[in-house]
């Protein structure tokens, strides 16, 4: 099973790999606009996951600590382990093996939904349309892993 990964995850991995990168360079490497990257960075700086410094007028971003860098690179292993544990528990409870992926999809969908309140609050701080953005976020996360959002 693939890991659940978003554009923000890609940004964090890029910064962890590069050590320090300008926002324009990050935008080019991730195929995003600088505005999108700046919005992600603003949130990640607020959460103290990234730091930002300016060289003349160019903003450079970096991961705040070595511990956070290590956590980012370990994320994929953790996700794979979670799926394996989930599948093992489902098998122990008698779930047919062919039903486990759908059950996992429901589990992930519910986990994403539990983050909606926080997502909405952060969107409101930035005067963004939370409902549509959250719907697109959920669809993207699930689709990146071959899953479909259920309504």
C-alpha atoms as a PDB file:
ATOM      1  CA  UNK A   1       0.000   0.000   0.000  1.00  0.00           C
ATOM      2  CA  UNK A   2       1.349   3.423  -0.918  1.00  0.00           C
ATOM      3  CA  UNK A   3       1.725   6.161   1.633  1.00  0.00           C
ATOM      4  CA  UNK A   4      -0.770   9.007   1.872  1.00  0.00           C
ATOM      5  CA  UNK A   5       1.125  12.003   0.590  1.00  0.00           C
ATOM      6  CA  UNK A   6       0.180  15.591  -0.171  1.00  0.00           C
ATOM      7  CA  UNK A   7       1.907  18.478  -1.852  1.00  0.00           C
ATOM      8  CA  UNK A   8       2.854  19.775   1.590  1.00  0.00           C
ATOM      9  CA  UNK A   9       4.513  16.418   2.310  1.00  0.00           C
ATOM     10  CA  UNK A  10       6.434  16.767  -0.953  1.00  0.00           C
ATOM     11  CA  UNK A  11       7.536  20.259   0.099  1.00  0.00           C
ATOM     12  CA  UNK A  12       8.692  19.039   3.518  1.00  0.00           C
ATOM     13  CA  UNK A  13      10.636  16.174   1.923  1.00  0.00           C
ATOM     14  CA  UNK A  14      12.229  18.536  -0.600  1.00  0.00           C
ATOM     15  CA  UNK A  15      13.308  20.969   2.121  1.00  0.00           C
ATOM     16  CA  UNK A  16      14.598  18.120   4.294  1.00  0.00           C
ATOM     17  CA  UNK A  17      16.600  16.792   1.336  1.00  0.00           C
ATOM     18  CA  UNK A  18      17.948  20.168   0.190  1.00  0.00           C
ATOM     19  CA  UNK A  19      18.593  21.543   3.680  1.00  0.00           C
ATOM     20  CA  UNK A  20      17.648  25.039   2.546  1.00  0.00           C
ATOM     21  CA  UNK A  21      15.871  26.119  -0.637  1.00  0.00           C
ATOM     22  CA  UNK A  22      14.340  29.283  -2.038  1.00  0.00           C
ATOM     23  CA  UNK A  23      10.590  29.437  -2.487  1.00  0.00           C
ATOM     24  CA  UNK A  24      10.959  30.035  -6.260  1.00  0.00           C
ATOM     25  CA  UNK A  25      13.193  26.956  -6.592  1.00  0.00           C
ATOM     26  CA  UNK A  26      10.817  24.845  -4.488  1.00  0.00           C
ATOM     27  CA  UNK A  27       7.900  25.951  -6.679  1.00  0.00           C
ATOM     28  CA  UNK A  28       9.768  24.929  -9.842  1.00  0.00           C
ATOM     29  CA  UNK A  29      10.825  21.554  -8.464  1.00  0.00           C
ATOM     30  CA  UNK A  30       7.320  20.744  -7.207  1.00  0.00           C
ATOM     31  CA  UNK A  31       5.465  22.088 -10.260  1.00  0.00           C
ATOM     32  CA  UNK A  32       3.487  24.581  -8.177  1.00  0.00           C
ATOM     33  CA  UNK A  33       3.132  28.345  -8.272  1.00  0.00           C
ATOM     34  CA  UNK A  34       5.124  30.456  -5.849  1.00  0.00           C
ATOM     35  CA  UNK A  35       1.827  31.647  -4.351  1.00  0.00           C
ATOM     36  CA  UNK A  36       0.810  28.067  -3.491  1.00  0.00           C
ATOM     37  CA  UNK A  37       4.228  27.308  -2.013  1.00  0.00           C
ATOM     38  CA  UNK A  38       4.139  30.557  -0.010  1.00  0.00           C
ATOM     39  CA  UNK A  39       0.707  29.646   1.406  1.00  0.00           C
ATOM     40  CA  UNK A  40       2.010  26.230   2.470  1.00  0.00           C
ATOM     41  CA  UNK A  41       5.151  27.787   3.922  1.00  0.00           C
ATOM     42  CA  UNK A  42       3.152  30.365   5.894  1.00  0.00           C
ATOM     43  CA  UNK A  43       1.194  27.578   7.555  1.00  0.00           C
ATOM     44  CA  UNK A  44       4.284  25.418   8.174  1.00  0.00           C
ATOM     45  CA  UNK A  45       6.171  28.367   9.682  1.00  0.00           C
ATOM     46  CA  UNK A  46       3.192  29.060  12.002  1.00  0.00           C
ATOM     47  CA  UNK A  47       3.327  25.418  13.078  1.00  0.00           C
ATOM     48  CA  UNK A  48       7.102  25.760  13.621  1.00  0.00           C
ATOM     49  CA  UNK A  49       7.862  22.960  11.161  1.00  0.00           C
ATOM     50  CA  UNK A  50       9.756  25.239   8.792  1.00  0.00           C
ATOM     51  CA  UNK A  51      11.836  28.336   9.257  1.00  0.00           C
ATOM     52  CA  UNK A  52      12.210  31.142   6.762  1.00  0.00           C
ATOM     53  CA  UNK A  53      15.005  33.632   6.138  1.00  0.00           C
ATOM     54  CA  UNK A  54      15.490  36.265   3.475  1.00  0.00           C
ATOM     55  CA  UNK A  55      18.527  36.948   1.320  1.00  0.00           C
ATOM     56  CA  UNK A  56      17.788  40.347  -0.153  1.00  0.00           C
ATOM     57  CA  UNK A  57      14.213  39.788  -1.355  1.00  0.00           C
ATOM     58  CA  UNK A  58      14.371  36.020  -1.868  1.00  0.00           C
ATOM     59  CA  UNK A  59      12.821  33.867   0.873  1.00  0.00           C
ATOM     60  CA  UNK A  60      14.664  30.648   1.771  1.00  0.00           C
ATOM     61  CA  UNK A  61      13.016  27.884   3.774  1.00  0.00           C
ATOM     62  CA  UNK A  62      14.526  25.213   5.994  1.00  0.00           C
ATOM     63  CA  UNK A  63      13.348  22.522   8.415  1.00  0.00           C
ATOM     64  CA  UNK A  64      13.518  23.833  11.969  1.00  0.00           C
ATOM     65  CA  UNK A  65      15.402  20.952  13.577  1.00  0.00           C
ATOM     66  CA  UNK A  66      17.279  17.724  12.814  1.00  0.00           C
ATOM     67  CA  UNK A  67      14.611  15.785  14.738  1.00  0.00           C
ATOM     68  CA  UNK A  68      11.914  17.075  12.382  1.00  0.00           C
ATOM     69  CA  UNK A  69      14.046  16.228   9.354  1.00  0.00           C
ATOM     70  CA  UNK A  70      14.405  12.659  10.631  1.00  0.00           C
ATOM     71  CA  UNK A  71      10.658  12.447  11.280  1.00  0.00           C
ATOM     72  CA  UNK A  72       9.898  13.513   7.706  1.00  0.00           C
ATOM     73  CA  UNK A  73      12.138  10.872   6.178  1.00  0.00           C
ATOM     74  CA  UNK A  74      10.689   8.176   8.485  1.00  0.00           C
ATOM     75  CA  UNK A  75       7.064   8.977   7.577  1.00  0.00           C
ATOM     76  CA  UNK A  76       6.825   6.519   4.653  1.00  0.00           C
ATOM     77  CA  UNK A  77       7.997   3.595   6.765  1.00  0.00           C
ATOM     78  CA  UNK A  78       5.486   4.490   9.460  1.00  0.00           C
ATOM     79  CA  UNK A  79       2.594   4.623   6.997  1.00  0.00           C
ATOM     80  CA  UNK A  80       3.483   1.254   5.475  1.00  0.00           C
ATOM     81  CA  UNK A  81       3.713  -0.232   8.958  1.00  0.00           C
ATOM     82  CA  UNK A  82       0.302   1.219   9.869  1.00  0.00           C
ATOM     83  CA  UNK A  83      -1.306  -0.443   6.867  1.00  0.00           C
ATOM     84  CA  UNK A  84       0.338  -3.787   7.680  1.00  0.00           C
ATOM     85  CA  UNK A  85      -0.870  -3.593  11.282  1.00  0.00           C
ATOM     86  CA  UNK A  86      -4.353  -2.570  10.132  1.00  0.00           C
ATOM     87  CA  UNK A  87      -4.510  -5.493   7.676  1.00  0.00           C
ATOM     88  CA  UNK A  88      -3.246  -7.943  10.311  1.00  0.00           C
ATOM     89  CA  UNK A  89      -5.890  -6.814  12.827  1.00  0.00           C
ATOM     90  CA  UNK A  90      -8.607  -7.055  10.170  1.00  0.00           C
ATOM     91  CA  UNK A  91      -7.523 -10.617   9.289  1.00  0.00           C
ATOM     92  CA  UNK A  92      -7.528 -11.585  12.989  1.00  0.00           C
ATOM     93  CA  UNK A  93     -11.118 -10.345  13.220  1.00  0.00           C
ATOM     94  CA  UNK A  94     -12.107 -12.551  10.282  1.00  0.00           C
ATOM     95  CA  UNK A  95     -12.280  -9.860   7.595  1.00  0.00           C
ATOM     96  CA  UNK A  96     -11.942 -11.413   4.117  1.00  0.00           C
ATOM     97  CA  UNK A  97      -8.628 -10.338   2.598  1.00  0.00           C
ATOM     98  CA  UNK A  98     -10.275  -8.861  -0.497  1.00  0.00           C
ATOM     99  CA  UNK A  99     -12.345  -6.498   1.713  1.00  0.00           C
ATOM    100  CA  UNK A 100      -9.369  -5.064   3.626  1.00  0.00           C
ATOM    101  CA  UNK A 101      -8.410  -2.383   1.033  1.00  0.00           C
ATOM    102  CA  UNK A 102     -11.963  -0.939   1.096  1.00  0.00           C
ATOM    103  CA  UNK A 103     -11.943  -0.993   4.892  1.00  0.00           C
ATOM    104  CA  UNK A 104      -8.555   0.781   4.848  1.00  0.00           C
ATOM    105  CA  UNK A 105      -9.946   3.397   2.461  1.00  0.00           C
ATOM    106  CA  UNK A 106     -12.840   4.060   4.842  1.00  0.00           C
ATOM    107  CA  UNK A 107     -10.399   4.288   7.742  1.00  0.00           C
ATOM    108  CA  UNK A 108      -8.242   6.853   5.896  1.00  0.00           C
ATOM    109  CA  UNK A 109     -11.281   8.812   4.762  1.00  0.00           C
ATOM    110  CA  UNK A 110     -12.506   9.022   8.368  1.00  0.00           C
ATOM    111  CA  UNK A 111      -9.042  10.077   9.561  1.00  0.00           C
ATOM    112  CA  UNK A 112      -8.985  12.890   6.994  1.00  0.00           C
ATOM    113  CA  UNK A 113     -12.499  13.972   8.015  1.00  0.00           C
ATOM    114  CA  UNK A 114     -11.360  14.265  11.633  1.00  0.00           C
ATOM    115  CA  UNK A 115      -8.952  17.000  10.547  1.00  0.00           C
ATOM    116  CA  UNK A 116     -11.652  19.064   8.843  1.00  0.00           C
ATOM    117  CA  UNK A 117     -12.354  21.376  11.780  1.00  0.00           C
ATOM    118  CA  UNK A 118      -8.692  22.399  12.020  1.00  0.00           C
ATOM    119  CA  UNK A 119      -8.496  22.721   8.230  1.00  0.00           C
ATOM    120  CA  UNK A 120     -11.543  25.027   8.212  1.00  0.00           C
ATOM    121  CA  UNK A 121     -10.087  27.197  10.996  1.00  0.00           C
ATOM    122  CA  UNK A 122      -6.826  27.623   9.095  1.00  0.00           C
ATOM    123  CA  UNK A 123      -8.708  28.481   5.885  1.00  0.00           C
ATOM    124  CA  UNK A 124     -10.784  31.084   7.716  1.00  0.00           C
ATOM    125  CA  UNK A 125      -7.601  32.747   9.006  1.00  0.00           C
ATOM    126  CA  UNK A 126      -6.569  33.163   5.370  1.00  0.00           C
ATOM    127  CA  UNK A 127     -10.027  34.045   3.988  1.00  0.00           C
ATOM    128  CA  UNK A 128     -10.095  30.887   1.854  1.00  0.00           C
ATOM    129  CA  UNK A 129     -13.109  28.808   0.796  1.00  0.00           C
ATOM    130  CA  UNK A 130     -12.727  25.951   3.274  1.00  0.00           C
ATOM    131  CA  UNK A 131     -15.404  23.514   2.080  1.00  0.00           C
ATOM    132  CA  UNK A 132     -14.239  23.345  -1.533  1.00  0.00           C
ATOM    133  CA  UNK A 133     -10.553  23.270  -0.551  1.00  0.00           C
ATOM    134  CA  UNK A 134     -11.147  20.486   1.951  1.00  0.00           C
ATOM    135  CA  UNK A 135     -13.075  18.446  -0.605  1.00  0.00           C
ATOM    136  CA  UNK A 136     -10.240  18.854  -3.139  1.00  0.00           C
ATOM    137  CA  UNK A 137      -7.634  18.051  -0.473  1.00  0.00           C
ATOM    138  CA  UNK A 138      -9.406  14.835   0.533  1.00  0.00           C
ATOM    139  CA  UNK A 139      -9.903  13.752  -3.074  1.00  0.00           C
ATOM    140  CA  UNK A 140      -6.254  14.435  -3.883  1.00  0.00           C
ATOM    141  CA  UNK A 141      -4.900  12.547  -0.893  1.00  0.00           C
ATOM    142  CA  UNK A 142      -7.050   9.511  -1.639  1.00  0.00           C
ATOM    143  CA  UNK A 143      -6.472   9.634  -5.408  1.00  0.00           C
ATOM    144  CA  UNK A 144      -2.687   9.838  -4.951  1.00  0.00           C
ATOM    145  CA  UNK A 145      -2.973   6.371  -3.478  1.00  0.00           C
ATOM    146  CA  UNK A 146      -5.369   4.861  -5.950  1.00  0.00           C
ATOM    147  CA  UNK A 147      -8.393   5.436  -3.737  1.00  0.00           C
ATOM    148  CA  UNK A 148     -11.571   7.387  -4.404  1.00  0.00           C
ATOM    149  CA  UNK A 149     -13.267   9.842  -2.094  1.00  0.00           C
ATOM    150  CA  UNK A 150     -16.679   8.620  -0.995  1.00  0.00           C
ATOM    151  CA  UNK A 151     -19.502  11.102  -0.602  1.00  0.00           C
END
